[in-house]
Amino acid sequence: MNKKRTELEKDAAMQRKKKMFLCIILCLHSQHCYIHFISTEGEKLGYVFYSTVTEFSNCLTILTNLLTIIFSILFDRWLKQSL
């Protein structure tokens, strides 16, 4: 029982990561945040279109956070090299 529950939780976490990653990529190419995901039921390809302001702003927030992390890592490396 616990093993099955753990697998379900891991699968749900993986789905969230896939959605976030695809959201970030597609935000770069579009003015709306389009999230594509594969549903676990029936292995069907599903498309969810989030074009509301809230979802779009959430996507931009994720993108901004990701860029902040990347630039902080690059700045940290640059700082270490210059010392």
Protein backbone atom coordinates (compact mmCIF):
# COMPACT_ATOMS: atom_id res chain seq x y z
CA MET A 1 0.00 0.00 0.00
CA ASN A 2 2.72 2.46 0.97
CA LYS A 3 4.80 1.52 -2.07
CA LYS A 4 1.91 2.22 -4.42
CA ARG A 5 1.21 5.54 -2.67
CA THR A 6 4.87 6.52 -2.94
CA GLU A 7 4.86 5.70 -6.65
CA LEU A 8 1.74 7.81 -7.17
CA GLU A 9 3.32 10.73 -5.31
CA LYS A 10 6.49 10.44 -7.41
CA ASP A 11 4.42 10.31 -10.60
CA ALA A 12 2.44 13.39 -9.56
CA ALA A 13 5.67 15.25 -8.76
CA MET A 14 7.11 14.28 -12.14
CA GLN A 15 3.97 15.52 -13.90
CA ARG A 16 4.25 18.87 -12.09
CA LYS A 17 7.91 19.16 -13.12
CA LYS A 18 7.05 18.35 -16.75
CA LYS A 19 4.28 20.97 -16.74
CA MET A 20 6.56 23.60 -15.22
CA PHE A 21 9.40 22.87 -17.67
CA LEU A 22 7.14 22.92 -20.73
CA CYS A 23 5.44 26.03 -19.42
CA ILE A 24 8.80 27.78 -19.21
CA ILE A 25 9.83 26.70 -22.71
CA LEU A 26 6.55 27.64 -24.32
CA CYS A 27 6.43 31.00 -22.54
CA LEU A 28 9.55 31.92 -24.46
CA HIS A 29 7.73 31.38 -27.74
CA SER A 30 4.26 32.63 -26.97
CA GLN A 31 2.36 35.37 -25.22
CA HIS A 32 0.23 32.78 -23.48
CA CYS A 33 1.35 29.90 -21.37
CA TYR A 34 0.53 26.65 -23.13
CA ILE A 35 1.15 23.55 -21.11
CA HIS A 36 1.25 20.21 -22.88
CA PHE A 37 1.13 17.08 -20.82
CA ILE A 38 0.58 13.36 -21.21
CA SER A 39 -2.28 12.13 -19.07
CA THR A 40 -1.65 9.01 -17.03
CA GLU A 41 -5.12 7.62 -17.70
CA GLY A 42 -5.14 5.82 -21.03
CA GLU A 43 -1.76 7.24 -22.07
CA LYS A 44 -3.52 9.91 -24.11
CA LEU A 45 -1.85 13.07 -25.26
CA GLY A 46 -3.66 15.97 -23.66
CA TYR A 47 -3.39 19.65 -24.18
CA VAL A 48 -4.22 22.18 -21.53
CA PHE A 49 -4.30 25.79 -22.60
CA TYR A 50 -3.85 28.31 -19.83
CA SER A 51 -4.47 31.71 -21.36
CA THR A 52 -5.78 33.45 -18.29
CA VAL A 53 -3.80 36.26 -16.77
CA THR A 54 -3.22 34.31 -13.56
CA GLU A 55 -1.66 31.30 -15.27
CA PHE A 56 0.40 33.49 -17.55
CA SER A 57 1.74 35.49 -14.62
CA ASN A 58 2.51 32.24 -12.75
CA CYS A 59 4.47 31.09 -15.77
CA LEU A 60 6.38 34.37 -15.95
CA THR A 61 7.14 34.11 -12.23
CA ILE A 62 8.59 30.63 -12.73
CA LEU A 63 10.62 31.86 -15.69
CA THR A 64 11.92 34.83 -13.70
CA ASN A 65 12.90 32.59 -10.79
CA LEU A 66 14.71 30.22 -13.12
CA LEU A 67 16.64 33.06 -14.76
CA THR A 68 17.55 34.45 -11.35
CA ILE A 69 18.97 31.10 -10.29
CA ILE A 70 20.95 30.73 -13.53
CA PHE A 71 22.41 34.23 -13.31
CA SER A 72 23.29 33.82 -9.63
CA ILE A 73 25.19 30.60 -10.46
CA LEU A 74 27.02 32.27 -13.35
CA PHE A 75 27.86 35.32 -11.23
CA ASP A 76 29.12 33.05 -8.44
CA ARG A 77 31.43 31.22 -10.87
CA TRP A 78 32.66 34.48 -12.34
CA LEU A 79 33.39 35.80 -8.86
CA LYS A 80 35.37 32.68 -7.92
CA GLN A 81 37.43 32.89 -11.12
CA SER A 82 38.27 36.54 -10.58
CA LEU A 83 39.62 35.91 -7.08
